[in-house]
Amino acid sequence: MERKNNTGLLVGLILMTIIAAVFGYLYYNERTLTTKQSADLETRVSELAASEIKLDSISKQLDARIQEVQGLGGDVEELQKVKASLENDRIALRKGNANMSRKIKEYESFLTKKDEEIAQLREENQQLISQNETLVQEKTELQTSKQAVADSLSTVTAKNTELESKVTMAAALRARNVKVYAVSSKGKVREGENVKAKRIDKVRVDFMLEKNPLTQTDNKTIYLRIIDPSGATISDTKTGSGVFDYNGQEQGFTISKDVAYTNSNQDVSIMYDRDAAFPSGKYTIELYSEGFSIGEGSFSVK
């Protein structure tokens, strides 16, 4: 009986030992699995965080490239498409369902290629800037040159105009030795100073057209103005009076005469026959031709 009891106890100990071993094995396996899963999870989180950091950096670099290319006047369509793709990948990454290692390498490769293109675009822009600066400088020099020529031409034109004016004035006729005579109805001639009114039927003006090498030898119209003591020009259309241009204005004349100018100190005589009497006072005689005053004289009536 005692031997049976010992055998039962031994079997019980063996069973307890086996059960303890099984539980120990199970516990060990469970603990090992939990530790491995935890390590895998930490590794995955670290990879996701690193990928997020790289993608964020690439995103900022893309923004910088887009801004620079726009400033250089280049095409940013490809850069914008890559930026949109990257943002979609960042969204997928945050959901934990994407492996970004390959995509990150592709983005980095794209940036390297794009940097080469941007460097070339910078160089082209610098060349254009240099060309533009050269063109602006040449344009400025050309404008300065044109202005200098214009100023020179303006000066020459002004001098030519002044010279022409001087030549024209120098070529004007000159009436010298202007003398005025009173002629009576009987043909008696008296020098025109203090002549009695009743002895004046006509006024004769004698003068010499001075020789002038600058004056053309052609027909000249001489305008005679007789200005009465009140300052009015004696004028009567029945006796040939009219108007002529002098300094851009119309002037009345008493009588005119066409003379064939011979450039030889020729003598000229102009006769004016007036129907009305000459009131007493001093009269002024003025002679004009080709827009210039060429001589003057006077006579008086008592």
C-alpha atoms as a PDB file:
ATOM      1  CA  MET A   1       0.000   0.000   0.000  1.00  0.00           C
ATOM      2  CA  GLU A   2       2.755   2.343   0.843  1.00  0.00           C
ATOM      3  CA  ARG A   3       4.527   1.440  -2.431  1.00  0.00           C
ATOM      4  CA  LYS A   4       1.405   2.427  -4.446  1.00  0.00           C
ATOM      5  CA  ASN A   5       1.272   5.751  -2.752  1.00  0.00           C
ATOM      6  CA  ASN A   6       4.903   6.497  -3.636  1.00  0.00           C
ATOM      7  CA  THR A   7       4.282   5.587  -7.251  1.00  0.00           C
ATOM      8  CA  GLY A   8       1.309   7.933  -7.469  1.00  0.00           C
ATOM      9  CA  LEU A   9       3.282  10.760  -5.976  1.00  0.00           C
ATOM     10  CA  LEU A  10       6.076  10.228  -8.493  1.00  0.00           C
ATOM     11  CA  VAL A  11       3.659  10.290 -11.402  1.00  0.00           C
ATOM     12  CA  GLY A  12       2.109  13.460 -10.061  1.00  0.00           C
ATOM     13  CA  LEU A  13       5.490  15.151  -9.807  1.00  0.00           C
ATOM     14  CA  ILE A  14       6.347  14.112 -13.336  1.00  0.00           C
ATOM     15  CA  LEU A  15       3.054  15.489 -14.673  1.00  0.00           C
ATOM     16  CA  MET A  16       3.542  18.750 -12.814  1.00  0.00           C
ATOM     17  CA  THR A  17       7.062  19.033 -14.183  1.00  0.00           C
ATOM     18  CA  ILE A  18       5.839  18.474 -17.778  1.00  0.00           C
ATOM     19  CA  ILE A  19       3.026  20.986 -17.363  1.00  0.00           C
ATOM     20  CA  ALA A  20       5.433  23.548 -15.941  1.00  0.00           C
ATOM     21  CA  ALA A  21       7.811  22.961 -18.851  1.00  0.00           C
ATOM     22  CA  VAL A  22       4.979  23.369 -21.363  1.00  0.00           C
ATOM     23  CA  PHE A  23       3.829  26.596 -19.739  1.00  0.00           C
ATOM     24  CA  GLY A  24       7.418  27.854 -19.628  1.00  0.00           C
ATOM     25  CA  TYR A  25       7.927  27.090 -23.295  1.00  0.00           C
ATOM     26  CA  LEU A  26       4.687  28.779 -24.250  1.00  0.00           C
ATOM     27  CA  TYR A  27       5.538  31.849 -22.178  1.00  0.00           C
ATOM     28  CA  TYR A  28       8.996  32.080 -23.713  1.00  0.00           C
ATOM     29  CA  ASN A  29       7.666  31.836 -27.263  1.00  0.00           C
ATOM     30  CA  GLU A  30       4.995  34.451 -26.604  1.00  0.00           C
ATOM     31  CA  ARG A  31       7.515  36.876 -25.111  1.00  0.00           C
ATOM     32  CA  THR A  32       9.939  36.385 -27.992  1.00  0.00           C
ATOM     33  CA  LEU A  33       7.170  37.063 -30.563  1.00  0.00           C
ATOM     34  CA  THR A  34       5.999  40.243 -28.770  1.00  0.00           C
ATOM     35  CA  THR A  35       9.530  41.670 -28.618  1.00  0.00           C
ATOM     36  CA  LYS A  36      10.095  41.002 -32.357  1.00  0.00           C
ATOM     37  CA  GLN A  37       6.796  42.650 -33.296  1.00  0.00           C
ATOM     38  CA  SER A  38       7.666  45.664 -31.177  1.00  0.00           C
ATOM     39  CA  ALA A  39      11.078  45.954 -32.848  1.00  0.00           C
ATOM     40  CA  ASP A  40       9.472  45.631 -36.316  1.00  0.00           C
ATOM     41  CA  LEU A  41       6.962  48.332 -35.430  1.00  0.00           C
ATOM     42  CA  GLU A  42       9.671  50.717 -34.234  1.00  0.00           C
ATOM     43  CA  THR A  43      11.648  50.101 -37.417  1.00  0.00           C
ATOM     44  CA  ARG A  44       8.552  50.790 -39.539  1.00  0.00           C
ATOM     45  CA  VAL A  45       7.787  53.998 -37.652  1.00  0.00           C
ATOM     46  CA  SER A  46      11.384  55.148 -38.045  1.00  0.00           C
ATOM     47  CA  GLU A  47      11.243  54.450 -41.799  1.00  0.00           C
ATOM     48  CA  LEU A  48       7.971  56.346 -42.156  1.00  0.00           C
ATOM     49  CA  ALA A  49       9.326  59.310 -40.195  1.00  0.00           C
ATOM     50  CA  ALA A  50      12.517  59.401 -42.279  1.00  0.00           C
ATOM     51  CA  SER A  51      10.494  59.198 -45.489  1.00  0.00           C
ATOM     52  CA  GLU A  52       8.209  62.015 -44.318  1.00  0.00           C
ATOM     53  CA  ILE A  53      11.227  64.206 -43.523  1.00  0.00           C
ATOM     54  CA  LYS A  54      12.787  63.534 -46.938  1.00  0.00           C
ATOM     55  CA  LEU A  55       9.527  64.161 -48.772  1.00  0.00           C
ATOM     56  CA  ASP A  56       9.012  67.419 -46.879  1.00  0.00           C
ATOM     57  CA  SER A  57      12.538  68.526 -47.812  1.00  0.00           C
ATOM     58  CA  ILE A  58      11.987  67.599 -51.469  1.00  0.00           C
ATOM     59  CA  SER A  59       8.651  69.484 -51.441  1.00  0.00           C
ATOM     60  CA  LYS A  60      10.369  72.660 -50.226  1.00  0.00           C
ATOM     61  CA  GLN A  61      13.101  72.252 -52.831  1.00  0.00           C
ATOM     62  CA  LEU A  62      10.442  71.898 -55.551  1.00  0.00           C
ATOM     63  CA  ASP A  63       8.778  75.114 -54.324  1.00  0.00           C
ATOM     64  CA  ALA A  64      12.120  76.907 -54.525  1.00  0.00           C
ATOM     65  CA  ARG A  65      12.774  75.587 -58.061  1.00  0.00           C
ATOM     66  CA  ILE A  66       9.287  76.607 -59.222  1.00  0.00           C
ATOM     67  CA  GLN A  67       9.769  80.135 -57.887  1.00  0.00           C
ATOM     68  CA  GLU A  68      13.229  80.466 -59.470  1.00  0.00           C
ATOM     69  CA  VAL A  69      12.140  79.132 -62.884  1.00  0.00           C
ATOM     70  CA  GLN A  70       9.158  81.501 -62.880  1.00  0.00           C
ATOM     71  CA  GLY A  71      11.540  84.363 -62.114  1.00  0.00           C
ATOM     72  CA  LEU A  72      13.732  83.310 -65.034  1.00  0.00           C
ATOM     73  CA  GLY A  73      10.732  83.136 -67.343  1.00  0.00           C
ATOM     74  CA  GLY A  74      10.895  79.339 -67.799  1.00  0.00           C
ATOM     75  CA  ASP A  75       8.200  76.651 -67.994  1.00  0.00           C
ATOM     76  CA  VAL A  76       7.139  75.281 -64.585  1.00  0.00           C
ATOM     77  CA  GLU A  77       4.485  72.817 -65.768  1.00  0.00           C
ATOM     78  CA  GLU A  78       6.681  69.721 -65.213  1.00  0.00           C
ATOM     79  CA  LEU A  79       7.774  70.939 -61.775  1.00  0.00           C
ATOM     80  CA  GLN A  80       4.162  71.540 -60.744  1.00  0.00           C
ATOM     81  CA  LYS A  81       3.144  68.043 -61.885  1.00  0.00           C
ATOM     82  CA  VAL A  82       5.961  66.456 -59.843  1.00  0.00           C
ATOM     83  CA  LYS A  83       4.981  68.592 -56.841  1.00  0.00           C
ATOM     84  CA  ALA A  84       1.364  67.358 -57.100  1.00  0.00           C
ATOM     85  CA  SER A  85       2.553  63.726 -57.331  1.00  0.00           C
ATOM     86  CA  LEU A  86       4.760  64.197 -54.276  1.00  0.00           C
ATOM     87  CA  GLU A  87       1.862  65.584 -52.234  1.00  0.00           C
ATOM     88  CA  ASN A  88      -0.208  62.502 -53.117  1.00  0.00           C
ATOM     89  CA  ASP A  89       2.671  60.272 -51.994  1.00  0.00           C
ATOM     90  CA  ARG A  90       2.867  62.153 -48.681  1.00  0.00           C
ATOM     91  CA  ILE A  91      -0.825  61.499 -48.100  1.00  0.00           C
ATOM     92  CA  ALA A  92      -0.347  57.770 -48.855  1.00  0.00           C
ATOM     93  CA  LEU A  93       2.701  57.672 -46.580  1.00  0.00           C
ATOM     94  CA  ARG A  94       0.741  59.118 -43.644  1.00  0.00           C
ATOM     95  CA  LYS A  95      -1.812  56.320 -44.086  1.00  0.00           C
ATOM     96  CA  GLY A  96       1.061  53.846 -43.725  1.00  0.00           C
ATOM     97  CA  ASN A  97       0.385  52.037 -46.988  1.00  0.00           C
ATOM     98  CA  ALA A  98       3.290  53.073 -49.180  1.00  0.00           C
ATOM     99  CA  ASN A  99       7.008  52.331 -49.439  1.00  0.00           C
ATOM    100  CA  MET A 100       8.747  55.597 -50.413  1.00  0.00           C
ATOM    101  CA  SER A 101      12.354  54.444 -50.833  1.00  0.00           C
ATOM    102  CA  ARG A 102      12.116  54.097 -54.627  1.00  0.00           C
ATOM    103  CA  LYS A 103       9.965  57.198 -55.080  1.00  0.00           C
ATOM    104  CA  ILE A 104      12.321  59.329 -52.961  1.00  0.00           C
ATOM    105  CA  LYS A 105      15.242  58.282 -55.165  1.00  0.00           C
ATOM    106  CA  GLU A 106      13.207  59.216 -58.248  1.00  0.00           C
ATOM    107  CA  TYR A 107      12.389  62.655 -56.802  1.00  0.00           C
ATOM    108  CA  GLU A 108      16.038  63.265 -55.864  1.00  0.00           C
ATOM    109  CA  SER A 109      17.109  62.239 -59.378  1.00  0.00           C
ATOM    110  CA  PHE A 110      14.519  64.615 -60.864  1.00  0.00           C
ATOM    111  CA  LEU A 111      15.822  67.488 -58.718  1.00  0.00           C
ATOM    112  CA  THR A 112      19.389  66.826 -59.867  1.00  0.00           C
ATOM    113  CA  LYS A 113      18.306  66.858 -63.526  1.00  0.00           C
ATOM    114  CA  LYS A 114      16.174  69.958 -63.029  1.00  0.00           C
ATOM    115  CA  ASP A 115      19.078  71.792 -61.323  1.00  0.00           C
ATOM    116  CA  GLU A 116      21.143  71.279 -64.479  1.00  0.00           C
ATOM    117  CA  GLU A 117      18.335  72.726 -66.595  1.00  0.00           C
ATOM    118  CA  ILE A 118      17.937  75.685 -64.223  1.00  0.00           C
ATOM    119  CA  ALA A 119      21.682  76.375 -64.346  1.00  0.00           C
ATOM    120  CA  GLN A 120      21.499  76.480 -68.148  1.00  0.00           C
ATOM    121  CA  LEU A 121      18.424  78.735 -67.960  1.00  0.00           C
ATOM    122  CA  ARG A 122      20.310  81.085 -65.605  1.00  0.00           C
ATOM    123  CA  GLU A 123      23.200  81.273 -68.065  1.00  0.00           C
ATOM    124  CA  GLU A 124      20.840  81.986 -70.983  1.00  0.00           C
ATOM    125  CA  ASN A 125      19.111  84.706 -68.973  1.00  0.00           C
ATOM    126  CA  GLN A 126      22.451  86.271 -68.065  1.00  0.00           C
ATOM    127  CA  GLN A 127      23.404  86.299 -71.742  1.00  0.00           C
ATOM    128  CA  LEU A 128      20.075  87.948 -72.586  1.00  0.00           C
ATOM    129  CA  ILE A 129      20.612  90.534 -69.846  1.00  0.00           C
ATOM    130  CA  SER A 130      24.083  91.283 -71.199  1.00  0.00           C
ATOM    131  CA  GLN A 131      22.699  91.555 -74.733  1.00  0.00           C
ATOM    132  CA  ASN A 132      19.904  93.831 -73.540  1.00  0.00           C
ATOM    133  CA  GLU A 133      22.365  96.027 -71.678  1.00  0.00           C
ATOM    134  CA  THR A 134      24.493  96.240 -74.836  1.00  0.00           C
ATOM    135  CA  LEU A 135      21.432  97.070 -76.927  1.00  0.00           C
ATOM    136  CA  VAL A 136      20.298  99.728 -74.439  1.00  0.00           C
ATOM    137  CA  GLN A 137      23.781 101.241 -74.443  1.00  0.00           C
ATOM    138  CA  GLU A 138      23.912 101.196 -78.247  1.00  0.00           C
ATOM    139  CA  LYS A 139      20.411 102.685 -78.419  1.00  0.00           C
ATOM    140  CA  THR A 140      21.405 105.423 -75.983  1.00  0.00           C
ATOM    141  CA  GLU A 141      24.537 106.154 -77.987  1.00  0.00           C
ATOM    142  CA  LEU A 142      22.488 106.180 -81.195  1.00  0.00           C
ATOM    143  CA  GLN A 143      19.923 108.540 -79.672  1.00  0.00           C
ATOM    144  CA  THR A 144      22.727 110.769 -78.421  1.00  0.00           C
ATOM    145  CA  SER A 145      24.290 110.704 -81.871  1.00  0.00           C
ATOM    146  CA  LYS A 146      20.937 111.446 -83.523  1.00  0.00           C
ATOM    147  CA  GLN A 147      20.332 114.287 -81.090  1.00  0.00           C
ATOM    148  CA  ALA A 148      23.776 115.680 -81.815  1.00  0.00           C
ATOM    149  CA  VAL A 149      23.081 115.470 -85.558  1.00  0.00           C
ATOM    150  CA  ALA A 150      19.641 117.034 -85.047  1.00  0.00           C
ATOM    151  CA  ASP A 151      21.159 119.821 -82.963  1.00  0.00           C
ATOM    152  CA  SER A 152      23.846 120.324 -85.580  1.00  0.00           C
ATOM    153  CA  LEU A 153      21.263 120.377 -88.371  1.00  0.00           C
ATOM    154  CA  SER A 154      19.109 122.765 -86.352  1.00  0.00           C
ATOM    155  CA  THR A 155      22.107 125.029 -85.844  1.00  0.00           C
ATOM    156  CA  VAL A 156      22.996 124.832 -89.541  1.00  0.00           C
ATOM    157  CA  THR A 157      19.388 125.498 -90.526  1.00  0.00           C
ATOM    158  CA  ALA A 158      19.200 128.469 -88.183  1.00  0.00           C
ATOM    159  CA  LYS A 159      22.473 129.807 -89.549  1.00  0.00           C
ATOM    160  CA  ASN A 160      21.307 129.206 -93.121  1.00  0.00           C
ATOM    161  CA  THR A 161      18.040 130.988 -92.393  1.00  0.00           C
ATOM    162  CA  GLU A 162      19.936 133.845 -90.821  1.00  0.00           C
ATOM    163  CA  LEU A 163      22.334 133.916 -93.759  1.00  0.00           C
ATOM    164  CA  GLU A 164      19.492 133.803 -96.265  1.00  0.00           C
ATOM    165  CA  SER A 165      17.818 136.646 -94.406  1.00  0.00           C
ATOM    166  CA  LYS A 166      21.024 138.638 -94.480  1.00  0.00           C
ATOM    167  CA  VAL A 167      21.546 137.847 -98.169  1.00  0.00           C
ATOM    168  CA  THR A 168      17.951 138.815 -98.920  1.00  0.00           C
ATOM    169  CA  MET A 169      18.339 142.068 -97.035  1.00  0.00           C
ATOM    170  CA  ALA A 170      21.651 142.705 -98.723  1.00  0.00           C
ATOM    171  CA  ALA A 171      20.011 142.091-102.095  1.00  0.00           C
ATOM    172  CA  ALA A 172      17.213 144.577-101.423  1.00  0.00           C
ATOM    173  CA  LEU A 173      16.909 147.606-103.674  1.00  0.00           C
ATOM    174  CA  ARG A 174      18.144 150.949-102.394  1.00  0.00           C
ATOM    175  CA  ALA A 175      16.665 154.244-103.554  1.00  0.00           C
ATOM    176  CA  ARG A 176      19.217 157.047-103.214  1.00  0.00           C
ATOM    177  CA  ASN A 177      18.936 160.816-103.644  1.00  0.00           C
ATOM    178  CA  VAL A 178      15.151 160.835-103.227  1.00  0.00           C
ATOM    179  CA  LYS A 179      13.796 164.209-104.310  1.00  0.00           C
ATOM    180  CA  VAL A 180      10.171 165.408-104.404  1.00  0.00           C
ATOM    181  CA  TYR A 181       8.886 168.030-106.835  1.00  0.00           C
ATOM    182  CA  ALA A 182       5.593 169.863-107.111  1.00  0.00           C
ATOM    183  CA  VAL A 183       4.327 170.149-110.692  1.00  0.00           C
ATOM    184  CA  SER A 184       1.706 172.751-111.615  1.00  0.00           C
ATOM    185  CA  SER A 185      -0.985 172.411-114.225  1.00  0.00           C
ATOM    186  CA  LYS A 186       1.203 174.492-116.558  1.00  0.00           C
ATOM    187  CA  GLY A 187       4.060 172.069-116.114  1.00  0.00           C
ATOM    188  CA  LYS A 188       6.145 174.307-113.859  1.00  0.00           C
ATOM    189  CA  VAL A 189       8.315 172.262-111.491  1.00  0.00           C
ATOM    190  CA  ARG A 190       9.240 173.386-107.991  1.00  0.00           C
ATOM    191  CA  GLU A 191      11.218 171.552-105.340  1.00  0.00           C
ATOM    192  CA  GLY A 192       8.760 170.298-102.762  1.00  0.00           C
ATOM    193  CA  GLU A 193       9.421 172.549 -99.815  1.00  0.00           C
ATOM    194  CA  ASN A 194       6.903 175.206 -98.775  1.00  0.00           C
ATOM    195  CA  VAL A 195       5.110 175.037-102.091  1.00  0.00           C
ATOM    196  CA  LYS A 196       1.782 176.820-102.310  1.00  0.00           C
ATOM    197  CA  ALA A 197      -1.137 174.439-102.529  1.00  0.00           C
ATOM    198  CA  LYS A 198      -2.577 176.125-105.615  1.00  0.00           C
ATOM    199  CA  ARG A 199       0.624 175.456-107.507  1.00  0.00           C
ATOM    200  CA  ILE A 200       0.527 171.672-106.878  1.00  0.00           C
ATOM    201  CA  ASP A 201      -1.387 169.549-109.348  1.00  0.00           C
ATOM    202  CA  LYS A 202       1.037 166.627-109.461  1.00  0.00           C
ATOM    203  CA  VAL A 203       3.797 165.233-107.288  1.00  0.00           C
ATOM    204  CA  ARG A 204       6.930 163.842-108.966  1.00  0.00           C
ATOM    205  CA  VAL A 205       9.377 161.690-107.051  1.00  0.00           C
ATOM    206  CA  ASP A 206      12.851 161.206-108.539  1.00  0.00           C
ATOM    207  CA  PHE A 207      15.459 158.783-107.185  1.00  0.00           C
ATOM    208  CA  MET A 208      18.288 156.530-108.223  1.00  0.00           C
ATOM    209  CA  LEU A 209      18.107 152.729-107.891  1.00  0.00           C
ATOM    210  CA  GLU A 210      21.532 151.887-106.578  1.00  0.00           C
ATOM    211  CA  LYS A 211      23.662 149.236-108.217  1.00  0.00           C
ATOM    212  CA  ASN A 212      23.776 146.007-106.222  1.00  0.00           C
ATOM    213  CA  PRO A 213      25.518 142.820-107.475  1.00  0.00           C
ATOM    214  CA  LEU A 214      23.281 140.691-105.196  1.00  0.00           C
ATOM    215  CA  THR A 215      20.057 141.988-106.726  1.00  0.00           C
ATOM    216  CA  GLN A 216      18.556 140.181-109.705  1.00  0.00           C
ATOM    217  CA  THR A 217      18.155 142.195-112.892  1.00  0.00           C
ATOM    218  CA  ASP A 218      14.476 141.767-113.587  1.00  0.00           C
ATOM    219  CA  ASN A 219      11.240 143.727-113.332  1.00  0.00           C
ATOM    220  CA  LYS A 220      10.713 145.390-109.975  1.00  0.00           C
ATOM    221  CA  THR A 221       7.490 146.920-108.700  1.00  0.00           C
ATOM    222  CA  ILE A 222       8.072 150.153-106.797  1.00  0.00           C
ATOM    223  CA  TYR A 223       5.312 151.175-104.363  1.00  0.00           C
ATOM    224  CA  LEU A 224       4.997 154.875-103.502  1.00  0.00           C
ATOM    225  CA  ARG A 225       3.219 155.981-100.347  1.00  0.00           C
ATOM    226  CA  ILE A 226       2.361 159.656 -99.814  1.00  0.00           C
ATOM    227  CA  ILE A 227       1.428 160.198 -96.174  1.00  0.00           C
ATOM    228  CA  ASP A 228      -0.484 163.388 -95.432  1.00  0.00           C
ATOM    229  CA  PRO A 229       0.035 165.627 -92.347  1.00  0.00           C
ATOM    230  CA  SER A 230      -2.576 163.610 -90.386  1.00  0.00           C
ATOM    231  CA  GLY A 231      -0.617 160.373 -90.900  1.00  0.00           C
ATOM    232  CA  ALA A 232      -3.017 158.835 -93.406  1.00  0.00           C
ATOM    233  CA  THR A 233      -1.865 157.352 -96.698  1.00  0.00           C
ATOM    234  CA  ILE A 234      -3.277 159.212 -99.706  1.00  0.00           C
ATOM    235  CA  SER A 235      -5.159 156.553-101.615  1.00  0.00           C
ATOM    236  CA  ASP A 236      -7.547 156.615-104.562  1.00  0.00           C
ATOM    237  CA  THR A 237      -8.244 153.491-106.577  1.00  0.00           C
ATOM    238  CA  LYS A 238      -9.095 155.659-109.605  1.00  0.00           C
ATOM    239  CA  THR A 239      -5.479 156.811-109.709  1.00  0.00           C
ATOM    240  CA  GLY A 240      -3.959 153.333-109.183  1.00  0.00           C
ATOM    241  CA  SER A 241      -3.873 153.037-105.387  1.00  0.00           C
ATOM    242  CA  GLY A 242      -4.020 149.656-103.676  1.00  0.00           C
ATOM    243  CA  VAL A 243      -2.304 147.469-101.049  1.00  0.00           C
ATOM    244  CA  PHE A 244       0.942 145.465-100.835  1.00  0.00           C
ATOM    245  CA  ASP A 245       2.481 143.058 -98.319  1.00  0.00           C
ATOM    246  CA  TYR A 246       5.039 144.413 -95.875  1.00  0.00           C
ATOM    247  CA  ASN A 247       6.311 142.371 -92.887  1.00  0.00           C
ATOM    248  CA  GLY A 248       3.340 140.039 -93.161  1.00  0.00           C
ATOM    249  CA  GLN A 249       0.764 142.847 -93.135  1.00  0.00           C
ATOM    250  CA  GLU A 250      -1.115 144.723 -95.806  1.00  0.00           C
ATOM    251  CA  GLN A 251      -0.069 148.305 -96.389  1.00  0.00           C
ATOM    252  CA  GLY A 252      -1.876 150.834 -98.537  1.00  0.00           C
ATOM    253  CA  PHE A 253       0.054 152.569-101.321  1.00  0.00           C
ATOM    254  CA  THR A 254      -0.666 155.680-103.302  1.00  0.00           C
ATOM    255  CA  ILE A 255       0.695 154.617-106.682  1.00  0.00           C
ATOM    256  CA  SER A 256       3.044 151.959-108.053  1.00  0.00           C
ATOM    257  CA  LYS A 257       5.353 151.614-111.013  1.00  0.00           C
ATOM    258  CA  ASP A 258       7.015 148.643-112.709  1.00  0.00           C
ATOM    259  CA  VAL A 259      10.691 149.206-113.410  1.00  0.00           C
ATOM    260  CA  ALA A 260      13.084 147.054-115.454  1.00  0.00           C
ATOM    261  CA  TYR A 261      15.999 146.962-113.054  1.00  0.00           C
ATOM    262  CA  THR A 262      19.344 147.080-114.886  1.00  0.00           C
ATOM    263  CA  ASN A 263      21.676 147.148-111.872  1.00  0.00           C
ATOM    264  CA  SER A 264      23.374 150.275-113.184  1.00  0.00           C
ATOM    265  CA  ASN A 265      22.535 153.133-110.793  1.00  0.00           C
ATOM    266  CA  GLN A 266      19.524 153.917-112.951  1.00  0.00           C
ATOM    267  CA  ASP A 267      17.349 156.991-112.493  1.00  0.00           C
ATOM    268  CA  VAL A 268      13.653 156.484-111.859  1.00  0.00           C
ATOM    269  CA  SER A 269      10.805 158.994-111.800  1.00  0.00           C
ATOM    270  CA  ILE A 270       7.272 158.397-110.496  1.00  0.00           C
ATOM    271  CA  MET A 271       4.491 160.923-111.161  1.00  0.00           C
ATOM    272  CA  TYR A 272       1.315 161.121-109.071  1.00  0.00           C
ATOM    273  CA  ASP A 273      -1.632 163.139-110.369  1.00  0.00           C
ATOM    274  CA  ARG A 274      -4.212 163.961-107.716  1.00  0.00           C
ATOM    275  CA  ASP A 275      -7.640 165.359-108.437  1.00  0.00           C
ATOM    276  CA  ALA A 276      -8.039 166.919-104.951  1.00  0.00           C
ATOM    277  CA  ALA A 277      -5.991 169.714-103.442  1.00  0.00           C
ATOM    278  CA  PHE A 278      -3.133 169.138-101.012  1.00  0.00           C
ATOM    279  CA  PRO A 279      -3.902 170.662 -97.599  1.00  0.00           C
ATOM    280  CA  SER A 280      -1.063 172.599 -95.981  1.00  0.00           C
ATOM    281  CA  GLY A 281       1.429 170.716 -93.854  1.00  0.00           C
ATOM    282  CA  LYS A 282       4.313 168.285 -94.182  1.00  0.00           C
ATOM    283  CA  TYR A 283       3.998 165.151 -96.359  1.00  0.00           C
ATOM    284  CA  THR A 284       6.154 162.066 -96.130  1.00  0.00           C
ATOM    285  CA  ILE A 285       7.200 160.009 -99.138  1.00  0.00           C
ATOM    286  CA  GLU A 286       7.980 156.289 -98.656  1.00  0.00           C
ATOM    287  CA  LEU A 287       9.254 153.861-101.294  1.00  0.00           C
ATOM    288  CA  TYR A 288       8.934 150.036-101.083  1.00  0.00           C
ATOM    289  CA  SER A 289       9.858 147.074-103.252  1.00  0.00           C
ATOM    290  CA  GLU A 290       9.962 143.273-102.746  1.00  0.00           C
ATOM    291  CA  GLY A 291       8.900 143.578 -99.112  1.00  0.00           C
ATOM    292  CA  PHE A 292      11.556 146.114 -98.122  1.00  0.00           C
ATOM    293  CA  SER A 293      11.541 149.839 -97.472  1.00  0.00           C
ATOM    294  CA  ILE A 294      13.998 151.205-100.043  1.00  0.00           C
ATOM    295  CA  GLY A 295      13.933 154.986 -99.507  1.00  0.00           C
ATOM    296  CA  GLU A 296      12.010 158.051 -98.282  1.00  0.00           C
ATOM    297  CA  GLY A 297      11.657 161.784 -98.722  1.00  0.00           C
ATOM    298  CA  SER A 298       9.291 164.632 -97.928  1.00  0.00           C
ATOM    299  CA  PHE A 299       7.707 167.852 -99.129  1.00  0.00           C
ATOM    300  CA  SER A 300       5.640 170.588 -97.477  1.00  0.00           C
ATOM    301  CA  VAL A 301       2.702 172.671 -98.523  1.00  0.00           C
ATOM    302  CA  LYS A 302       1.981 176.174 -97.221  1.00  0.00           C
END
